C-alpha atoms as a PDB file:
ATOM      1  CA  MET A   1      15.847   9.325  -7.594  1.00  0.00           C
ATOM      2  CA  ALA A   2      15.619  12.406  -9.771  1.00  0.00           C
ATOM      3  CA  VAL A   3      12.010  13.422 -10.268  1.00  0.00           C
ATOM      4  CA  LYS A   4      11.810  15.735 -13.265  1.00  0.00           C
ATOM      5  CA  LEU A   5       9.111  17.384 -15.325  1.00  0.00           C
ATOM      6  CA  LEU A   6       9.689  17.075 -19.074  1.00  0.00           C
ATOM      7  CA  VAL A   7       8.078  18.821 -22.009  1.00  0.00           C
ATOM      8  CA  LEU A   8       8.174  16.542 -25.042  1.00  0.00           C
ATOM      9  CA  LYS A   9       8.006  17.435 -28.740  1.00  0.00           C
ATOM     10  CA  SER A  10       4.467  16.019 -28.669  1.00  0.00           C
ATOM     11  CA  TYR A  11       3.537  18.890 -26.280  1.00  0.00           C
ATOM     12  CA  GLU A  12       2.985  16.450 -23.408  1.00  0.00           C
ATOM     13  CA  ASP A  13       4.127  17.366 -19.905  1.00  0.00           C
ATOM     14  CA  VAL A  14       5.529  14.206 -18.313  1.00  0.00           C
ATOM     15  CA  ILE A  15       6.703  13.658 -14.752  1.00  0.00           C
ATOM     16  CA  ALA A  16       9.027  10.739 -14.013  1.00  0.00           C
ATOM     17  CA  ASP A  17      12.128   9.499 -12.261  1.00  0.00           C
ATOM     18  CA  VAL A  18      14.658  10.349 -14.989  1.00  0.00           C
ATOM     19  CA  LYS A  19      18.074   8.856 -15.687  1.00  0.00           C
ATOM     20  CA  GLU A  20      20.363   9.577 -18.620  1.00  0.00           C
ATOM     21  CA  ALA A  21      20.828   6.722 -21.107  1.00  0.00           C
ATOM     22  CA  MET A  22      24.443   6.704 -22.221  1.00  0.00           C
ATOM     23  CA  SER A  23      26.433   5.228 -25.086  1.00  0.00           C
ATOM     24  CA  GLY A  24      30.026   5.617 -23.988  1.00  0.00           C
ATOM     25  CA  GLU A  25      30.241   9.227 -22.862  1.00  0.00           C
ATOM     26  CA  ARG A  26      27.360  10.417 -25.067  1.00  0.00           C
ATOM     27  CA  VAL A  27      23.778  10.887 -23.875  1.00  0.00           C
ATOM     28  CA  ILE A  28      21.517   9.049 -26.326  1.00  0.00           C
ATOM     29  CA  GLY A  29      18.260   9.397 -24.434  1.00  0.00           C
ATOM     30  CA  TYR A  30      16.494   9.330 -21.114  1.00  0.00           C
ATOM     31  CA  SER A  31      15.111   6.442 -19.126  1.00  0.00           C
ATOM     32  CA  LEU A  32      11.772   7.421 -17.603  1.00  0.00           C
ATOM     33  CA  SER A  33      10.719   5.304 -14.660  1.00  0.00           C
ATOM     34  CA  ASN A  34       6.992   5.413 -13.829  1.00  0.00           C
ATOM     35  CA  PRO A  35       6.198   8.245 -16.253  1.00  0.00           C
ATOM     36  CA  PHE A  36       2.869  10.062 -15.997  1.00  0.00           C
ATOM     37  CA  ILE A  37       1.344  12.804 -18.114  1.00  0.00           C
ATOM     38  CA  THR A  38       0.422  15.795 -15.977  1.00  0.00           C
ATOM     39  CA  ARG A  39      -2.590  18.008 -16.530  1.00  0.00           C
ATOM     40  CA  ILE A  40      -3.310  21.241 -14.692  1.00  0.00           C
ATOM     41  CA  ASN A  41      -6.899  21.797 -13.637  1.00  0.00           C
ATOM     42  CA  ASP A  42      -7.685  25.469 -13.100  1.00  0.00           C
ATOM     43  CA  GLU A  43      -9.761  25.794  -9.956  1.00  0.00           C
ATOM     44  CA  GLY A  44     -10.490  29.451 -10.634  1.00  0.00           C
ATOM     45  CA  SER A  45      -9.721  30.403  -7.023  1.00  0.00           C
ATOM     46  CA  GLY A  46      -6.674  32.607  -7.094  1.00  0.00           C
ATOM     47  CA  ASN A  47      -3.399  30.710  -7.354  1.00  0.00           C
ATOM     48  CA  ALA A  48      -4.801  27.308  -6.333  1.00  0.00           C
ATOM     49  CA  THR A  49      -4.483  24.619  -8.972  1.00  0.00           C
ATOM     50  CA  SER A  50      -4.776  20.869  -9.030  1.00  0.00           C
ATOM     51  CA  VAL A  51      -2.660  18.440 -11.008  1.00  0.00           C
ATOM     52  CA  THR A  52      -3.946  15.142 -12.366  1.00  0.00           C
ATOM     53  CA  PHE A  53      -1.634  12.265 -13.327  1.00  0.00           C
ATOM     54  CA  TYR A  54      -2.387   9.924 -16.248  1.00  0.00           C
ATOM     55  CA  PRO A  55      -0.191   6.973 -17.291  1.00  0.00           C
ATOM     56  CA  TYR A  56       2.176   7.964 -20.116  1.00  0.00           C
ATOM     57  CA  ILE A  57       1.531   4.788 -22.125  1.00  0.00           C
ATOM     58  CA  PRO A  58      -1.486   3.289 -20.356  1.00  0.00           C
ATOM     59  CA  LEU A  59      -1.521  -0.056 -22.175  1.00  0.00           C
ATOM     60  CA  SER A  60       2.173  -0.826 -21.668  1.00  0.00           C
ATOM     61  CA  LYS A  61       3.513  -3.398 -19.198  1.00  0.00           C
ATOM     62  CA  GLN A  62       6.810  -1.523 -18.911  1.00  0.00           C
ATOM     63  CA  LYS A  63       7.346   0.898 -16.079  1.00  0.00           C
ATOM     64  CA  ASP A  64      10.650   2.078 -17.569  1.00  0.00           C
ATOM     65  CA  ILE A  65      10.503   3.772 -20.964  1.00  0.00           C
ATOM     66  CA  LEU A  66      13.453   4.972 -23.017  1.00  0.00           C
ATOM     67  CA  ILE A  67      12.993   8.104 -25.103  1.00  0.00           C
ATOM     68  CA  PRO A  68      15.548   9.691 -27.473  1.00  0.00           C
ATOM     69  CA  PHE A  69      17.324  12.767 -26.125  1.00  0.00           C
ATOM     70  CA  ASP A  70      16.108  14.909 -29.029  1.00  0.00           C
ATOM     71  CA  TRP A  71      12.472  14.178 -28.187  1.00  0.00           C
ATOM     72  CA  VAL A  72      12.783  16.286 -24.999  1.00  0.00           C
ATOM     73  CA  VAL A  73      12.207  20.012 -25.468  1.00  0.00           C
ATOM     74  CA  THR A  74      13.080  20.883 -21.868  1.00  0.00           C
ATOM     75  CA  MET A  75      13.475  19.243 -18.454  1.00  0.00           C
ATOM     76  CA  VAL A  76      12.932  21.030 -15.124  1.00  0.00           C
ATOM     77  CA  ASP A  77      12.396  20.344 -11.432  1.00  0.00           C
ATOM     78  CA  PRO A  78       8.700  20.227 -10.473  1.00  0.00           C
ATOM     79  CA  HIS A  79       7.288  22.181  -7.538  1.00  0.00           C
ATOM     80  CA  ASP A  80       7.862  20.285  -4.277  1.00  0.00           C
ATOM     81  CA  GLU A  81       4.142  19.627  -3.762  1.00  0.00           C
ATOM     82  CA  VAL A  82       3.805  18.163  -7.255  1.00  0.00           C
ATOM     83  CA  ALA A  83       6.896  15.967  -6.798  1.00  0.00           C
ATOM     84  CA  ASN A  84       5.635  14.724  -3.428  1.00  0.00           C
ATOM     85  CA  SER A  85       2.212  13.968  -4.869  1.00  0.00           C
ATOM     86  CA  TYR A  86       3.839  12.061  -7.741  1.00  0.00           C
ATOM     87  CA  LEU A  87       5.963  10.011  -5.315  1.00  0.00           C
ATOM     88  CA  GLU A  88       2.907   9.161  -3.215  1.00  0.00           C
ATOM     89  CA  HIS A  89       1.080   8.082  -6.366  1.00  0.00           C
ATOM     90  CA  VAL A  90       3.970   5.907  -7.599  1.00  0.00           C
ATOM     91  CA  ASN A  91       4.545   4.320  -4.207  1.00  0.00           C
ATOM     92  CA  GLY A  92       0.919   3.170  -4.089  1.00  0.00           C
ATOM     93  CA  GLN A  93      -0.062   5.316  -1.149  1.00  0.00           C
ATOM     94  CA  THR A  94      -3.047   6.630  -3.084  1.00  0.00           C
ATOM     95  CA  ALA A  95      -6.043   4.775  -4.464  1.00  0.00           C
ATOM     96  CA  GLY A  96      -7.311   4.936  -8.022  1.00  0.00           C
ATOM     97  CA  ALA A  97      -5.705   5.412 -11.406  1.00  0.00           C
ATOM     98  CA  ASP A  98      -5.681   9.203 -11.294  1.00  0.00           C
ATOM     99  CA  LYS A  99      -4.255  11.400  -8.550  1.00  0.00           C
ATOM    100  CA  GLN A 100      -4.935  15.056  -8.013  1.00  0.00           C
ATOM    101  CA  SER A 101      -2.610  17.365  -6.142  1.00  0.00           C
ATOM    102  CA  ASN A 102      -3.651  20.769  -4.860  1.00  0.00           C
ATOM    103  CA  SER A 103      -0.826  23.228  -5.201  1.00  0.00           C
ATOM    104  CA  ASP A 104      -0.647  26.889  -4.232  1.00  0.00           C
ATOM    105  CA  GLN A 105       1.716  28.419  -6.730  1.00  0.00           C
ATOM    106  CA  GLN A 106       3.418  31.595  -5.600  1.00  0.00           C
ATOM    107  CA  ASP A 107       5.552  33.285  -8.197  1.00  0.00           C
END
């Protein structure tokens, strides 16, 4: 599993388990498994922030979504706390449609 944080051309920040979609030896897109839009909630208390997850396409039955490679502006590794919170959310260890993660960011 490769949990990544993507910034899309639509300015959405999406977290998902990402795999390359190939055609021969060429990357044609990315398969996003259990994608969620992430939103940062500023707590106003120093470096503490919370992250809320929203379904990427909330009315879709599919949990795997293919997006063209040129729709991704950038792809990075999320902070460990955010990735762990995402995995807990996807694995059903949390209740409710939205999940918030408190993260102390130290840069």
